[in-house]
N, C-alpha and C. Protein backbone atom coordinates (compact mmCIF):
# COMPACT_ATOMS: atom_id res chain seq x y z
N MET A 1 100.90 119.14 112.52
CA MET A 1 100.92 117.78 112.99
C MET A 1 99.82 117.00 112.26
N HIS A 2 100.19 115.88 111.71
CA HIS A 2 99.22 115.03 111.03
C HIS A 2 98.52 114.13 112.04
N LEU A 3 97.22 114.21 112.06
CA LEU A 3 96.43 113.46 113.03
C LEU A 3 96.73 111.98 113.01
N GLU A 4 96.81 111.40 111.82
CA GLU A 4 96.99 109.95 111.72
C GLU A 4 98.40 109.48 112.09
N GLN A 5 99.34 110.41 112.19
CA GLN A 5 100.72 110.05 112.54
C GLN A 5 101.04 110.33 114.01
N ALA A 6 100.09 110.90 114.72
CA ALA A 6 100.32 111.27 116.12
C ALA A 6 99.60 110.29 117.04
N THR A 7 100.04 110.27 118.28
CA THR A 7 99.31 109.49 119.28
C THR A 7 98.18 110.36 119.82
N TRP A 8 97.25 109.74 120.49
CA TRP A 8 96.15 110.53 121.04
C TRP A 8 96.65 111.48 122.10
N THR A 9 97.71 111.11 122.83
CA THR A 9 98.23 112.01 123.86
C THR A 9 98.93 113.21 123.25
N GLU A 10 99.58 113.02 122.10
CA GLU A 10 100.19 114.15 121.40
C GLU A 10 99.12 115.13 120.90
N ILE A 11 98.03 114.59 120.39
CA ILE A 11 96.94 115.44 119.92
C ILE A 11 96.29 116.15 121.11
N ASP A 12 96.14 115.44 122.20
CA ASP A 12 95.54 116.03 123.40
C ASP A 12 96.38 117.19 123.93
N ALA A 13 97.69 117.11 123.77
CA ALA A 13 98.59 118.12 124.32
C ALA A 13 98.82 119.32 123.40
N ILE A 14 98.43 119.21 122.13
CA ILE A 14 98.70 120.30 121.21
C ILE A 14 97.88 121.54 121.58
N ASP A 15 98.52 122.68 121.47
CA ASP A 15 97.88 123.94 121.87
C ASP A 15 97.26 124.62 120.65
N THR A 16 96.18 124.00 120.15
CA THR A 16 95.46 124.60 119.01
C THR A 16 94.04 124.07 118.98
N THR A 17 93.19 124.83 118.35
CA THR A 17 91.84 124.36 118.05
C THR A 17 91.60 124.40 116.54
N LEU A 18 92.69 124.59 115.78
CA LEU A 18 92.61 124.74 114.33
C LEU A 18 92.96 123.44 113.62
N VAL A 19 92.08 123.03 112.71
CA VAL A 19 92.28 121.81 111.93
C VAL A 19 92.15 122.13 110.45
N LEU A 20 93.07 121.60 109.66
CA LEU A 20 92.97 121.65 108.20
C LEU A 20 92.49 120.28 107.74
N PHE A 21 91.46 120.26 106.94
CA PHE A 21 90.78 119.03 106.54
C PHE A 21 90.74 118.95 105.01
N PRO A 22 91.73 118.25 104.39
CA PRO A 22 91.74 118.14 102.93
C PRO A 22 90.70 117.14 102.42
N VAL A 23 90.01 117.53 101.36
CA VAL A 23 89.08 116.64 100.68
C VAL A 23 89.38 116.70 99.19
N GLY A 24 89.25 115.57 98.55
CA GLY A 24 89.58 115.52 97.13
C GLY A 24 88.64 114.64 96.36
N SER A 25 89.21 113.90 95.43
CA SER A 25 88.43 113.04 94.55
C SER A 25 89.38 112.04 93.90
N THR A 26 88.81 110.95 93.43
CA THR A 26 89.56 109.97 92.65
C THR A 26 88.91 109.94 91.27
N GLU A 27 89.49 110.71 90.36
CA GLU A 27 88.90 110.89 89.03
C GLU A 27 89.97 111.23 88.01
N GLN A 28 89.57 111.17 86.76
CA GLN A 28 90.52 111.38 85.67
C GLN A 28 90.88 112.85 85.49
N HIS A 29 92.11 113.04 85.06
CA HIS A 29 92.62 114.37 84.68
C HIS A 29 93.44 114.21 83.40
N GLY A 30 92.89 113.48 82.47
CA GLY A 30 93.60 113.19 81.24
C GLY A 30 94.44 111.95 81.41
N PRO A 31 95.05 111.46 80.34
CA PRO A 31 95.82 110.22 80.40
C PRO A 31 97.18 110.39 81.07
N HIS A 32 97.56 111.60 81.42
CA HIS A 32 98.90 111.89 81.93
C HIS A 32 98.96 112.07 83.45
N ALA A 33 97.84 112.24 84.12
CA ALA A 33 97.85 112.57 85.55
C ALA A 33 97.20 111.45 86.37
N PRO A 34 97.65 111.26 87.59
CA PRO A 34 97.07 110.20 88.42
C PRO A 34 95.63 110.51 88.82
N LEU A 35 94.88 109.46 89.07
CA LEU A 35 93.48 109.61 89.47
C LEU A 35 93.34 110.37 90.79
N GLY A 36 94.37 110.37 91.60
CA GLY A 36 94.33 111.05 92.89
C GLY A 36 94.77 112.51 92.85
N THR A 37 94.85 113.10 91.68
CA THR A 37 95.35 114.48 91.55
C THR A 37 94.64 115.45 92.49
N ASP A 38 93.32 115.41 92.52
CA ASP A 38 92.58 116.36 93.36
C ASP A 38 92.89 116.18 94.85
N THR A 39 93.02 114.94 95.27
CA THR A 39 93.34 114.67 96.68
C THR A 39 94.77 115.08 96.98
N LEU A 40 95.69 114.76 96.08
CA LEU A 40 97.09 115.15 96.27
C LEU A 40 97.24 116.66 96.35
N ASN A 41 96.50 117.38 95.52
CA ASN A 41 96.55 118.85 95.56
C ASN A 41 96.04 119.38 96.90
N ALA A 42 94.92 118.86 97.37
CA ALA A 42 94.36 119.31 98.65
C ALA A 42 95.32 119.00 99.80
N GLU A 43 95.93 117.83 99.79
CA GLU A 43 96.90 117.46 100.83
C GLU A 43 98.12 118.37 100.79
N THR A 44 98.61 118.67 99.61
CA THR A 44 99.79 119.52 99.46
C THR A 44 99.52 120.92 99.98
N ILE A 45 98.36 121.46 99.65
CA ILE A 45 98.00 122.80 100.13
C ILE A 45 97.84 122.80 101.64
N ALA A 46 97.19 121.79 102.19
CA ALA A 46 97.03 121.71 103.65
C ALA A 46 98.39 121.59 104.34
N ASP A 47 99.27 120.77 103.80
CA ASP A 47 100.61 120.63 104.38
C ASP A 47 101.39 121.94 104.34
N ALA A 48 101.33 122.64 103.21
CA ALA A 48 102.04 123.92 103.08
C ALA A 48 101.50 124.95 104.07
N ALA A 49 100.20 124.98 104.24
CA ALA A 49 99.60 125.91 105.20
C ALA A 49 100.00 125.55 106.62
N ALA A 50 100.00 124.25 106.94
CA ALA A 50 100.36 123.81 108.29
C ALA A 50 101.80 124.16 108.63
N GLU A 51 102.69 124.07 107.66
CA GLU A 51 104.10 124.42 107.88
C GLU A 51 104.26 125.87 108.33
N ARG A 52 103.41 126.74 107.84
CA ARG A 52 103.47 128.16 108.21
C ARG A 52 103.08 128.41 109.66
N TYR A 53 102.41 127.43 110.27
CA TYR A 53 101.96 127.58 111.65
C TYR A 53 102.84 126.84 112.64
N ASP A 54 103.99 126.35 112.20
CA ASP A 54 104.99 125.74 113.09
C ASP A 54 104.41 124.73 114.07
N GLY A 55 103.62 123.80 113.57
CA GLY A 55 103.14 122.73 114.43
C GLY A 55 101.96 123.10 115.31
N THR A 56 101.36 124.25 115.09
CA THR A 56 100.22 124.63 115.91
C THR A 56 98.90 124.46 115.16
N VAL A 57 98.89 123.54 114.23
CA VAL A 57 97.68 123.20 113.49
C VAL A 57 97.69 121.70 113.24
N VAL A 58 96.53 121.11 113.24
CA VAL A 58 96.39 119.69 112.99
C VAL A 58 95.86 119.51 111.56
N VAL A 59 96.43 118.55 110.84
CA VAL A 59 95.97 118.20 109.50
C VAL A 59 95.37 116.80 109.57
N THR A 60 94.11 116.69 109.13
CA THR A 60 93.45 115.38 109.14
C THR A 60 93.87 114.57 107.92
N PRO A 61 93.59 113.27 107.95
CA PRO A 61 93.75 112.50 106.72
C PRO A 61 92.78 113.04 105.67
N ALA A 62 93.16 112.95 104.43
CA ALA A 62 92.30 113.45 103.35
C ALA A 62 91.17 112.47 103.07
N VAL A 63 90.06 113.01 102.64
CA VAL A 63 88.96 112.21 102.10
C VAL A 63 89.24 112.08 100.60
N PRO A 64 89.54 110.86 100.11
CA PRO A 64 89.98 110.71 98.73
C PRO A 64 88.88 110.45 97.71
N VAL A 65 87.65 110.29 98.18
CA VAL A 65 86.54 110.02 97.26
C VAL A 65 85.51 111.11 97.44
N GLY A 66 85.15 111.74 96.33
CA GLY A 66 84.19 112.83 96.40
C GLY A 66 83.02 112.63 95.46
N VAL A 67 82.35 113.71 95.18
CA VAL A 67 81.19 113.72 94.30
C VAL A 67 81.71 113.83 92.87
N ALA A 68 81.77 112.70 92.16
CA ALA A 68 82.41 112.69 90.84
C ALA A 68 81.74 111.73 89.86
N GLU A 69 80.49 111.43 90.07
CA GLU A 69 79.82 110.47 89.19
C GLU A 69 79.81 110.93 87.73
N GLU A 70 79.89 112.24 87.51
CA GLU A 70 79.90 112.75 86.14
C GLU A 70 81.12 112.27 85.34
N HIS A 71 82.11 111.72 86.04
CA HIS A 71 83.31 111.19 85.38
C HIS A 71 83.29 109.66 85.28
N SER A 72 82.14 109.05 85.53
CA SER A 72 82.06 107.60 85.66
C SER A 72 82.41 106.82 84.39
N GLN A 73 82.46 107.47 83.26
CA GLN A 73 82.81 106.76 82.04
C GLN A 73 84.30 106.39 81.97
N PHE A 74 85.09 106.95 82.86
CA PHE A 74 86.52 106.67 82.88
C PHE A 74 86.83 105.56 83.88
N THR A 75 87.63 104.61 83.49
CA THR A 75 87.97 103.47 84.33
C THR A 75 88.72 103.91 85.59
N GLY A 76 88.30 103.37 86.71
CA GLY A 76 88.97 103.64 87.98
C GLY A 76 88.39 104.78 88.79
N ILE A 77 87.43 105.48 88.23
CA ILE A 77 86.83 106.61 88.95
C ILE A 77 86.01 106.09 90.11
N LEU A 78 86.16 106.76 91.26
CA LEU A 78 85.36 106.43 92.44
C LEU A 78 84.50 107.64 92.77
N TRP A 79 83.29 107.40 93.24
CA TRP A 79 82.44 108.52 93.62
C TRP A 79 81.48 108.08 94.70
N THR A 80 80.90 109.07 95.33
CA THR A 80 79.83 108.87 96.28
C THR A 80 78.74 109.88 95.97
N SER A 81 77.57 109.65 96.50
CA SER A 81 76.49 110.61 96.27
C SER A 81 76.75 111.89 97.06
N LEU A 82 76.12 112.96 96.63
CA LEU A 82 76.26 114.23 97.32
C LEU A 82 75.84 114.10 98.78
N SER A 83 74.73 113.41 99.04
CA SER A 83 74.24 113.29 100.42
C SER A 83 75.17 112.45 101.29
N THR A 84 75.73 111.39 100.74
CA THR A 84 76.68 110.57 101.50
C THR A 84 77.96 111.34 101.80
N PHE A 85 78.47 112.03 100.80
CA PHE A 85 79.69 112.82 100.98
C PHE A 85 79.46 113.90 102.05
N LYS A 86 78.36 114.60 101.93
CA LYS A 86 78.02 115.67 102.88
C LYS A 86 77.92 115.11 104.30
N ALA A 87 77.24 113.99 104.46
CA ALA A 87 77.09 113.39 105.78
C ALA A 87 78.43 112.91 106.34
N TYR A 88 79.26 112.34 105.49
CA TYR A 88 80.57 111.84 105.92
C TYR A 88 81.45 112.98 106.42
N VAL A 89 81.54 114.05 105.64
CA VAL A 89 82.34 115.20 106.03
C VAL A 89 81.78 115.82 107.31
N ARG A 90 80.46 115.94 107.39
CA ARG A 90 79.82 116.50 108.59
C ARG A 90 80.15 115.65 109.83
N ASP A 91 80.10 114.32 109.70
CA ASP A 91 80.40 113.45 110.83
C ASP A 91 81.85 113.60 111.29
N ILE A 92 82.76 113.74 110.34
CA ILE A 92 84.16 113.95 110.71
C ILE A 92 84.31 115.29 111.42
N ALA A 93 83.66 116.32 110.91
CA ALA A 93 83.70 117.64 111.56
C ALA A 93 83.14 117.57 112.97
N ARG A 94 82.07 116.84 113.15
CA ARG A 94 81.49 116.68 114.50
C ARG A 94 82.45 115.96 115.44
N SER A 95 83.14 114.97 114.95
CA SER A 95 84.08 114.25 115.82
C SER A 95 85.23 115.16 116.22
N LEU A 96 85.68 116.00 115.30
CA LEU A 96 86.73 116.97 115.63
C LEU A 96 86.23 117.98 116.67
N ALA A 97 85.01 118.47 116.47
CA ALA A 97 84.42 119.42 117.42
C ALA A 97 84.27 118.79 118.80
N HIS A 98 83.93 117.52 118.85
CA HIS A 98 83.79 116.81 120.12
C HIS A 98 85.08 116.87 120.93
N HIS A 99 86.21 116.90 120.24
CA HIS A 99 87.51 116.93 120.90
C HIS A 99 88.06 118.35 121.06
N GLY A 100 87.22 119.34 120.83
CA GLY A 100 87.60 120.73 121.09
C GLY A 100 88.17 121.50 119.92
N PHE A 101 88.21 120.89 118.76
CA PHE A 101 88.69 121.61 117.57
C PHE A 101 87.51 122.39 117.00
N ASP A 102 87.52 123.70 117.24
CA ASP A 102 86.37 124.52 116.84
C ASP A 102 86.65 125.43 115.65
N ARG A 103 87.83 125.29 115.05
CA ARG A 103 88.16 126.04 113.83
C ARG A 103 88.59 125.03 112.78
N LEU A 104 87.73 124.83 111.81
CA LEU A 104 87.94 123.82 110.78
C LEU A 104 88.03 124.50 109.42
N VAL A 105 89.14 124.23 108.72
CA VAL A 105 89.30 124.74 107.36
C VAL A 105 89.26 123.56 106.41
N LEU A 106 88.24 123.55 105.55
CA LEU A 106 88.14 122.53 104.53
C LEU A 106 89.01 122.95 103.36
N VAL A 107 89.93 122.08 102.96
CA VAL A 107 90.81 122.34 101.83
C VAL A 107 90.33 121.44 100.70
N ASN A 108 89.54 122.01 99.81
CA ASN A 108 88.89 121.24 98.76
C ASN A 108 89.72 121.23 97.49
N GLY A 109 89.96 120.03 96.96
CA GLY A 109 90.71 119.90 95.72
C GLY A 109 89.85 119.55 94.52
N HIS A 110 88.53 119.44 94.69
CA HIS A 110 87.67 118.98 93.60
C HIS A 110 86.41 119.83 93.51
N GLY A 111 86.20 120.44 92.35
CA GLY A 111 85.05 121.30 92.15
C GLY A 111 83.72 120.62 92.37
N GLY A 112 83.64 119.33 92.10
CA GLY A 112 82.40 118.60 92.27
C GLY A 112 81.95 118.48 93.72
N ASN A 113 82.85 118.76 94.66
CA ASN A 113 82.52 118.69 96.09
C ASN A 113 81.93 119.99 96.62
N THR A 114 82.04 121.05 95.86
CA THR A 114 81.72 122.39 96.37
C THR A 114 80.30 122.50 96.91
N VAL A 115 79.31 122.02 96.20
CA VAL A 115 77.92 122.13 96.65
C VAL A 115 77.74 121.43 97.99
N ALA A 116 78.28 120.23 98.13
CA ALA A 116 78.14 119.47 99.38
C ALA A 116 78.86 120.14 100.53
N LEU A 117 80.00 120.75 100.26
CA LEU A 117 80.77 121.37 101.33
C LEU A 117 80.14 122.69 101.76
């Protein structure tokens, strides 16, 4: 179940404490691939994993901007600092924990996020 597509009552009624949390990046992958490749990959993997659990897992919206300043020479690249990214992901994890989701799987699509995660 995708968190952003459900009502709060649907999320409240789901019998799971497991959340898949995709994180990616908006950066170049050559002239042939979209800037959102890393985010799209993380979302696709999270969706495929969720399908195996027959609706007993929640998938959060993806974080589409990651630690990618090293790619800043390419037009359209978005990035945040390591500390901001880390704090943002941590705050989202805390909000999920507040609602009883105590098993969080980060699905990372971008190598530059690894240290922060």
